[in-house]
């Protein structure tokens, strides 16, 4: 957890260091400290770095990627190495991270249209990160296969989402004679919410978690094929489902997974060894007393304020004049990352508040980057040649 905290602080500080490169030293320092305090005290980031889950690295991945793309010239070699290592590690931690880098990388290319420079980095960086993720997945699969004699099992997230929303269930009703998919044999347990279908161990309602390993592997192998088949049959309904679920995901502001709900308490009691459970049972999370409400309220308020400030900034005359600057581009790419995260996690998987809360804290940083890019009165900005950039941040990283 201390390592995750250090990585989060390092990526936030380096992002702000690059975004405020044109400001005078005094203003630059104030902006950097303001950003660190904002995400440290008034955002859900501390909750996520306290957990050993991939969500702790989603925000740092986006910041590291955007920093390298837009502000790389302002960093020393050590700082650039740190950012690349963070991005290279984080992209391997969750499949959504690969899709986020594809989205943000595509946005970076679009923002560079009409420019002669910058294309090499904007092509090579996302490509290299995605290749690293693919290589890591192949190595992991090979190691699991060698150790256990079978490849890893992938849950059918897409299939469960389509069945829960309706079009997948209707497809099975009309295309299971003869059966085309293993799911045809479990229509009596449908429809159910996707989490029930995937994770419930009750054979009356759950599917994936109630099956043997061979059947689980077959369901995972059929996932994409089933999704494409339903999409061809009901394109309008599938797209409508994605839009509705994305909207639900965009409005999901909660920290519900930091306090145990009833089923989590029962699951802990039935699955954990008694000695471990006795320790868990005494925790604030098990008792439901972790104070999440203040952070949720502040996060909603800061999110609304950040969106209003960004909209007003881009609509203003000075904002329109500076939208191609690195700071404004950083704000746009963070907004793109938030939109992509909503569609990837909500529209294609199951909406959960943790997917939104894991990166919504990037918005105030986008405001700072955009504000630092807007023209101000004489004396607020300085010209900082790359060779004269202060070395303090590199030593810190």
Protein backbone atom coordinates (compact mmCIF):
# COMPACT_ATOMS: atom_id res chain seq x y z
CA UNK A 1 0.00 0.00 0.00
CA UNK A 2 2.89 2.35 0.71
CA UNK A 3 4.32 1.51 -2.71
CA UNK A 4 0.97 2.19 -4.38
CA UNK A 5 0.74 5.51 -2.54
CA UNK A 6 4.23 6.48 -3.66
CA UNK A 7 3.43 5.60 -7.27
CA UNK A 8 0.22 7.64 -7.16
CA UNK A 9 1.95 10.65 -5.64
CA UNK A 10 4.82 10.37 -8.11
CA UNK A 11 2.59 10.29 -11.18
CA UNK A 12 0.39 13.14 -9.91
CA UNK A 13 3.42 15.30 -9.08
CA UNK A 14 5.12 14.64 -12.41
CA UNK A 15 1.92 15.34 -14.33
CA UNK A 16 1.50 18.68 -12.56
CA UNK A 17 5.21 19.42 -12.99
CA UNK A 18 4.84 19.04 -16.75
CA UNK A 19 1.45 20.74 -17.01
CA UNK A 20 2.71 23.88 -15.22
CA UNK A 21 6.07 24.09 -17.01
CA UNK A 22 5.31 27.53 -18.48
CA UNK A 23 4.47 29.17 -15.14
CA UNK A 24 6.80 31.10 -12.88
CA UNK A 25 8.42 29.02 -10.11
CA UNK A 26 6.16 30.44 -7.39
CA UNK A 27 2.91 29.82 -9.26
CA UNK A 28 4.12 26.42 -10.42
CA UNK A 29 4.84 25.29 -6.88
CA UNK A 30 1.44 26.47 -5.66
CA UNK A 31 -0.36 24.59 -8.44
CA UNK A 32 1.58 21.38 -7.76
CA UNK A 33 0.86 21.47 -4.04
CA UNK A 34 -2.79 22.37 -4.68
CA UNK A 35 -3.19 19.34 -6.92
CA UNK A 36 -1.51 16.98 -4.47
CA UNK A 37 -3.65 18.23 -1.59
CA UNK A 38 -6.82 18.04 -3.69
CA UNK A 39 -6.37 14.37 -4.63
CA UNK A 40 -4.92 13.44 -1.24
CA UNK A 41 -7.66 14.91 0.95
CA UNK A 42 -10.70 15.49 -1.26
CA UNK A 43 -10.85 12.50 -3.61
CA UNK A 44 -11.35 8.71 -3.46
CA UNK A 45 -7.71 8.08 -4.46
CA UNK A 46 -6.58 7.23 -0.89
CA UNK A 47 -9.26 4.54 -0.69
CA UNK A 48 -8.02 2.86 -3.85
CA UNK A 49 -4.31 2.92 -3.02
CA UNK A 50 -5.22 1.19 0.26
CA UNK A 51 -6.47 -1.90 -1.61
CA UNK A 52 -4.53 -4.56 -3.49
CA UNK A 53 -6.72 -4.22 -6.57
CA UNK A 54 -6.07 -3.05 -10.16
CA UNK A 55 -8.13 0.11 -9.65
CA UNK A 56 -5.22 1.64 -7.70
CA UNK A 57 -3.27 1.83 -10.98
CA UNK A 58 -5.90 3.01 -13.46
CA UNK A 59 -5.43 6.71 -12.71
CA UNK A 60 -1.62 6.54 -12.51
CA UNK A 61 -1.62 4.69 -15.86
CA UNK A 62 -3.55 7.51 -17.54
CA UNK A 63 -1.42 10.22 -15.93
CA UNK A 64 1.83 8.47 -16.84
CA UNK A 65 0.71 8.00 -20.45
CA UNK A 66 -0.53 11.59 -20.88
CA UNK A 67 2.59 12.99 -19.19
CA UNK A 68 4.94 11.10 -21.51
CA UNK A 69 2.95 12.06 -24.60
CA UNK A 70 2.54 15.77 -23.82
CA UNK A 71 5.20 16.81 -21.30
CA UNK A 72 8.02 14.32 -21.85
CA UNK A 73 10.52 17.01 -22.91
CA UNK A 74 10.31 18.64 -19.48
CA UNK A 75 11.45 15.53 -17.60
CA UNK A 76 14.86 14.07 -17.02
CA UNK A 77 15.75 10.50 -17.93
CA UNK A 78 14.94 9.15 -14.48
CA UNK A 79 11.48 10.72 -14.43
CA UNK A 80 10.66 9.43 -17.93
CA UNK A 81 11.84 5.95 -16.93
CA UNK A 82 9.63 6.04 -13.83
CA UNK A 83 6.57 7.07 -15.84
CA UNK A 84 7.15 4.42 -18.49
CA UNK A 85 7.63 1.69 -15.88
CA UNK A 86 4.39 2.71 -14.14
CA UNK A 87 2.50 2.62 -17.45
CA UNK A 88 4.09 -0.67 -18.55
CA UNK A 89 3.22 -2.39 -15.26
CA UNK A 90 -0.27 -0.90 -14.89
CA UNK A 91 -1.45 -1.84 -18.38
CA UNK A 92 -0.95 -5.53 -17.53
CA UNK A 93 -3.14 -5.42 -14.43
CA UNK A 94 -6.61 -5.28 -16.02
CA UNK A 95 -8.09 -5.80 -19.50
CA UNK A 96 -9.85 -2.42 -19.30
CA UNK A 97 -6.44 -0.73 -19.05
CA UNK A 98 -5.56 -1.91 -22.56
CA UNK A 99 -8.81 -0.52 -23.94
CA UNK A 100 -8.26 2.77 -22.10
CA UNK A 101 -4.81 3.21 -23.63
CA UNK A 102 -6.25 2.43 -27.06
CA UNK A 103 -8.87 5.14 -26.53
CA UNK A 104 -6.57 7.79 -25.06
CA UNK A 105 -3.85 6.97 -27.58
CA UNK A 106 -6.34 7.42 -30.42
CA UNK A 107 -7.37 10.76 -28.94
CA UNK A 108 -3.75 11.87 -28.75
CA UNK A 109 -3.35 11.10 -32.45
CA UNK A 110 -6.47 13.09 -33.34
CA UNK A 111 -5.25 16.09 -31.34
CA UNK A 112 -2.02 16.01 -33.32
CA UNK A 113 -3.73 16.38 -36.69
CA UNK A 114 -2.23 19.27 -38.64
CA UNK A 115 1.07 19.04 -36.76
CA UNK A 116 4.37 17.92 -38.25
CA UNK A 117 5.98 16.74 -35.01
CA UNK A 118 4.98 14.36 -32.26
CA UNK A 119 3.68 11.53 -34.40
CA UNK A 120 6.46 9.05 -33.63
CA UNK A 121 5.94 9.16 -29.85
CA UNK A 122 2.15 9.11 -30.14
CA UNK A 123 2.34 5.97 -32.25
CA UNK A 124 5.19 4.14 -30.55
CA UNK A 125 4.19 4.66 -26.90
CA UNK A 126 0.69 3.10 -27.00
CA UNK A 127 1.89 0.40 -29.39
CA UNK A 128 4.75 -0.59 -27.09
CA UNK A 129 2.50 -0.61 -24.01
CA UNK A 130 -0.11 -2.79 -25.71
CA UNK A 131 2.58 -5.21 -26.91
CA UNK A 132 3.89 -5.41 -23.33
CA UNK A 133 0.37 -6.25 -22.12
CA UNK A 134 -0.05 -8.95 -24.77
CA UNK A 135 3.36 -10.46 -23.98
CA UNK A 136 2.57 -10.46 -20.24
CA UNK A 137 -0.75 -12.20 -20.86
CA UNK A 138 0.93 -14.83 -23.04
CA UNK A 139 3.60 -15.48 -20.40
CA UNK A 140 0.97 -15.72 -17.67
CA UNK A 141 -1.13 -18.12 -19.72
CA UNK A 142 1.90 -20.25 -20.51
CA UNK A 143 2.93 -20.36 -16.83
CA UNK A 144 -0.58 -21.35 -15.70
CA UNK A 145 -0.81 -24.02 -18.40
CA UNK A 146 2.58 -25.44 -17.48
CA UNK A 147 1.79 -25.46 -13.76
CA UNK A 148 -1.85 -26.60 -13.80
CA UNK A 149 -2.07 -28.40 -17.12
CA UNK A 150 -4.74 -26.05 -18.54
CA UNK A 151 -4.89 -22.37 -19.56
CA UNK A 152 -6.52 -19.72 -17.34
CA UNK A 153 -10.29 -19.40 -17.39
CA UNK A 154 -11.89 -16.15 -18.58
CA UNK A 155 -15.39 -15.41 -17.21
CA UNK A 156 -18.01 -14.64 -19.91
CA UNK A 157 -18.56 -10.99 -18.92
CA UNK A 158 -19.98 -9.95 -22.31
CA UNK A 159 -22.44 -12.83 -22.46
CA UNK A 160 -23.71 -12.19 -18.94
CA UNK A 161 -24.20 -8.50 -19.72
CA UNK A 162 -26.26 -9.24 -22.87
CA UNK A 163 -28.41 -11.83 -21.14
CA UNK A 164 -29.12 -9.55 -18.19
CA UNK A 165 -30.12 -6.70 -20.52
CA UNK A 166 -32.46 -8.85 -22.60
CA UNK A 167 -31.15 -9.30 -26.17
CA UNK A 168 -28.86 -12.19 -25.21
CA UNK A 169 -31.72 -14.05 -23.53
CA UNK A 170 -34.03 -13.53 -26.51
CA UNK A 171 -31.29 -14.78 -28.83
CA UNK A 172 -30.99 -18.02 -26.83
CA UNK A 173 -34.76 -18.51 -26.92
CA UNK A 174 -34.72 -18.65 -30.73
CA UNK A 175 -31.28 -20.14 -31.50
CA UNK A 176 -30.92 -23.12 -29.19
CA UNK A 177 -32.53 -25.79 -31.36
CA UNK A 178 -30.05 -27.30 -31.98
CA UNK A 179 -27.82 -25.70 -29.26
CA UNK A 180 -25.18 -23.37 -30.69
CA UNK A 181 -23.70 -22.34 -27.35
CA UNK A 182 -23.18 -23.99 -23.98
CA UNK A 183 -25.40 -21.30 -22.47
CA UNK A 184 -28.37 -22.94 -24.15
CA UNK A 185 -28.34 -25.63 -21.47
CA UNK A 186 -28.88 -23.11 -18.67
CA UNK A 187 -31.84 -21.07 -19.90
CA UNK A 188 -33.87 -22.21 -16.89
CA UNK A 189 -31.57 -20.05 -14.71
CA UNK A 190 -32.09 -16.94 -16.83
CA UNK A 191 -32.47 -14.07 -16.86
CA UNK A 192 -30.60 -12.88 -13.80
CA UNK A 193 -28.35 -9.88 -13.07
CA UNK A 194 -24.95 -10.52 -14.61
CA UNK A 195 -23.17 -10.70 -11.26
CA UNK A 196 -25.60 -13.44 -10.15
CA UNK A 197 -25.03 -15.43 -13.33
CA UNK A 198 -21.27 -15.13 -12.99
CA UNK A 199 -20.58 -15.42 -9.28
CA UNK A 200 -23.53 -17.02 -7.48
CA UNK A 201 -22.77 -20.58 -6.36
CA UNK A 202 -26.47 -21.40 -6.05
CA UNK A 203 -27.23 -23.84 -8.92
CA UNK A 204 -30.79 -22.50 -9.12
CA UNK A 205 -29.63 -19.09 -10.35
CA UNK A 206 -25.86 -18.98 -10.87
CA UNK A 207 -24.17 -20.40 -13.96
CA UNK A 208 -20.43 -19.77 -14.30
CA UNK A 209 -19.38 -20.39 -10.68
CA UNK A 210 -21.45 -23.58 -10.45
CA UNK A 211 -19.73 -25.34 -13.36
CA UNK A 212 -16.65 -27.53 -13.65
CA UNK A 213 -13.42 -26.13 -15.04
CA UNK A 214 -13.93 -27.52 -18.55
CA UNK A 215 -17.38 -25.96 -18.84
CA UNK A 216 -16.12 -22.66 -17.43
CA UNK A 217 -13.37 -22.63 -20.01
CA UNK A 218 -15.86 -23.37 -22.80
CA UNK A 219 -18.14 -20.51 -21.68
CA UNK A 220 -15.18 -18.14 -21.66
CA UNK A 221 -14.10 -19.31 -25.09
CA UNK A 222 -17.60 -18.71 -26.51
CA UNK A 223 -17.95 -15.22 -24.99
CA UNK A 224 -16.89 -13.04 -27.93
CA UNK A 225 -18.59 -15.29 -30.49
CA UNK A 226 -21.87 -15.10 -28.57
CA UNK A 227 -21.60 -11.32 -28.24
CA UNK A 228 -21.05 -10.88 -31.99
CA UNK A 229 -23.93 -13.23 -32.80
CA UNK A 230 -26.34 -11.26 -30.62
CA UNK A 231 -25.03 -7.97 -32.01
CA UNK A 232 -25.76 -9.12 -35.56
CA UNK A 233 -29.26 -10.26 -34.59
CA UNK A 234 -30.25 -7.26 -32.43
CA UNK A 235 -27.86 -4.36 -33.26
CA UNK A 236 -30.22 -1.61 -32.09
CA UNK A 237 -31.00 -3.28 -28.77
CA UNK A 238 -27.35 -4.05 -28.03
CA UNK A 239 -26.29 -0.46 -28.76
CA UNK A 240 -29.21 0.84 -26.70
CA UNK A 241 -28.15 -1.42 -23.83
CA UNK A 242 -24.60 -0.06 -24.02
CA UNK A 243 -25.89 3.52 -23.91
CA UNK A 244 -28.17 2.85 -20.93
CA UNK A 245 -25.51 0.99 -18.98
CA UNK A 246 -22.92 3.66 -19.78
CA UNK A 247 -25.27 6.32 -18.43
CA UNK A 248 -25.77 4.27 -15.27
CA UNK A 249 -22.01 3.91 -14.91
CA UNK A 250 -21.42 7.65 -15.38
CA UNK A 251 -23.71 8.43 -12.44
CA UNK A 252 -22.33 5.75 -10.11
CA UNK A 253 -20.65 7.59 -7.24
CA UNK A 254 -20.18 5.30 -4.28
CA UNK A 255 -17.51 3.52 -2.24
CA UNK A 256 -19.69 0.53 -1.47
CA UNK A 257 -16.88 -2.03 -1.70
CA UNK A 258 -15.05 -0.50 1.26
CA UNK A 259 -17.77 -1.70 3.63
CA UNK A 260 -19.05 -5.29 3.58
CA UNK A 261 -22.66 -5.76 2.49
CA UNK A 262 -24.64 -8.76 3.76
CA UNK A 263 -23.57 -11.18 1.01
CA UNK A 264 -19.91 -10.19 1.45
CA UNK A 265 -20.10 -10.92 5.17
CA UNK A 266 -21.69 -14.29 4.51
CA UNK A 267 -19.13 -15.05 1.79
CA UNK A 268 -16.26 -14.21 4.14
CA UNK A 269 -17.74 -16.45 6.84
CA UNK A 270 -18.14 -19.44 4.49
CA UNK A 271 -14.91 -19.13 2.47
CA UNK A 272 -12.20 -17.81 4.79
CA UNK A 273 -10.26 -20.01 7.24
CA UNK A 274 -11.58 -19.49 10.80
CA UNK A 275 -8.41 -17.76 12.04
CA UNK A 276 -8.51 -15.26 9.15
CA UNK A 277 -12.24 -14.72 9.47
CA UNK A 278 -11.94 -13.91 13.17
CA UNK A 279 -9.56 -11.09 12.20
CA UNK A 280 -11.80 -9.87 9.35
CA UNK A 281 -14.84 -9.96 11.62
CA UNK A 282 -13.25 -7.35 13.90
CA UNK A 283 -12.54 -4.91 11.06
CA UNK A 284 -14.39 -1.66 10.48
CA UNK A 285 -15.17 -2.79 6.92
CA UNK A 286 -16.94 -5.92 8.18
CA UNK A 287 -18.93 -3.87 10.68
CA UNK A 288 -19.77 -1.32 7.96
CA UNK A 289 -18.29 1.64 9.81
CA UNK A 290 -15.61 2.84 7.35
CA UNK A 291 -16.50 6.56 6.91
CA UNK A 292 -17.05 6.74 3.16
CA UNK A 293 -19.98 9.21 3.05
CA UNK A 294 -17.92 12.44 3.35
CA UNK A 295 -15.61 11.38 0.52
CA UNK A 296 -18.55 10.45 -1.71
CA UNK A 297 -20.21 13.83 -1.11
CA UNK A 298 -17.00 15.79 -1.73
CA UNK A 299 -16.24 13.73 -4.86
CA UNK A 300 -19.64 14.52 -6.37
CA UNK A 301 -19.21 18.23 -5.61
CA UNK A 302 -15.64 18.37 -6.97
CA UNK A 303 -16.66 16.44 -10.11
CA UNK A 304 -19.52 18.83 -10.89
CA UNK A 305 -17.35 21.88 -10.21
CA UNK A 306 -14.51 20.52 -12.37
CA UNK A 307 -16.84 19.81 -15.29
CA UNK A 308 -18.36 23.30 -15.04
CA UNK A 309 -14.93 24.94 -14.93
CA UNK A 310 -13.67 22.93 -17.90
CA UNK A 311 -16.80 23.68 -19.94
CA UNK A 312 -16.54 27.40 -19.14
CA UNK A 313 -12.83 27.39 -19.89
CA UNK A 314 -13.13 25.73 -23.29
CA UNK A 315 -16.07 28.00 -24.17
CA UNK A 316 -14.18 31.19 -23.31
CA UNK A 317 -12.19 33.18 -25.86
CA UNK A 318 -8.87 32.52 -24.16
CA UNK A 319 -9.76 28.85 -23.77
CA UNK A 320 -10.51 28.49 -27.47
CA UNK A 321 -7.21 30.20 -28.25
CA UNK A 322 -5.21 27.75 -26.12
CA UNK A 323 -7.00 24.45 -26.75
CA UNK A 324 -4.05 23.08 -28.76
CA UNK A 325 -1.60 23.73 -25.92
CA UNK A 326 -0.25 20.69 -24.00
CA UNK A 327 -2.20 21.63 -20.87
CA UNK A 328 -5.51 21.89 -22.72
CA UNK A 329 -4.72 18.67 -24.60
CA UNK A 330 -4.10 16.95 -21.26
CA UNK A 331 -7.51 18.08 -20.01
CA UNK A 332 -9.17 16.77 -23.18
CA UNK A 333 -7.40 13.41 -22.93
CA UNK A 334 -8.47 13.01 -19.29
CA UNK A 335 -12.07 13.75 -20.28
CA UNK A 336 -11.72 11.17 -23.07
CA UNK A 337 -10.36 8.63 -20.58
CA UNK A 338 -13.37 9.18 -18.31
CA UNK A 339 -15.80 8.77 -21.22
CA UNK A 340 -14.01 5.64 -22.45
CA UNK A 341 -13.97 4.19 -18.95
CA UNK A 342 -17.74 4.67 -18.71
CA UNK A 343 -18.37 2.77 -21.96
CA UNK A 344 -15.78 0.05 -21.37
CA UNK A 345 -16.78 -0.78 -17.80
CA UNK A 346 -20.45 0.15 -17.82
CA UNK A 347 -21.53 -0.53 -21.38
CA UNK A 348 -19.55 -3.71 -22.01
CA UNK A 349 -19.34 -5.15 -18.50
CA UNK A 350 -21.50 -4.46 -15.44
CA UNK A 351 -21.81 -0.92 -14.01
CA UNK A 352 -20.13 -0.64 -10.63
CA UNK A 353 -19.37 2.52 -8.70
CA UNK A 354 -15.75 1.49 -8.17
CA UNK A 355 -15.09 1.72 -11.91
CA UNK A 356 -16.05 5.39 -11.90
CA UNK A 357 -14.49 6.31 -8.59
CA UNK A 358 -11.13 4.81 -9.50
CA UNK A 359 -10.37 7.65 -11.97
CA UNK A 360 -12.86 10.46 -11.34
CA UNK A 361 -10.18 12.09 -9.16
CA UNK A 362 -8.33 12.98 -12.37
CA UNK A 363 -10.82 15.78 -13.11
CA UNK A 364 -9.36 18.43 -10.76
CA UNK A 365 -5.94 17.68 -12.24
CA UNK A 366 -7.42 18.32 -15.70
CA UNK A 367 -8.69 21.69 -14.43
CA UNK A 368 -5.22 22.62 -13.17
CA UNK A 369 -3.57 21.58 -16.44
CA UNK A 370 -6.06 23.61 -18.47
CA UNK A 371 -5.86 26.63 -16.16
CA UNK A 372 -2.07 26.64 -16.36
CA UNK A 373 -2.26 26.65 -20.16
CA UNK A 374 -4.52 29.71 -20.44
CA UNK A 375 -2.82 33.04 -21.18
CA UNK A 376 -2.46 35.43 -18.24
CA UNK A 377 -1.00 38.78 -17.47
CA UNK A 378 2.68 39.37 -18.13
CA UNK A 379 4.94 37.89 -15.46
CA UNK A 380 2.81 34.83 -14.70
CA UNK A 381 4.51 32.71 -17.37
CA UNK A 382 8.12 31.96 -18.03
CA UNK A 383 9.99 30.39 -20.91
CA UNK A 384 11.56 27.14 -19.70
CA UNK A 385 13.99 25.59 -22.19
CA UNK A 386 14.23 21.85 -21.86
CA UNK A 387 17.89 22.03 -20.88
CA UNK A 388 17.09 24.53 -18.11
CA UNK A 389 14.20 22.60 -16.55
CA UNK A 390 14.64 22.30 -12.77
CA UNK A 391 16.21 18.95 -11.82
CA UNK A 392 14.36 18.68 -8.49
CA UNK A 393 11.47 16.62 -9.84
CA UNK A 394 13.81 14.15 -11.51
CA UNK A 395 15.65 13.61 -8.20
CA UNK A 396 12.32 13.18 -6.42
CA UNK A 397 11.13 10.57 -8.92
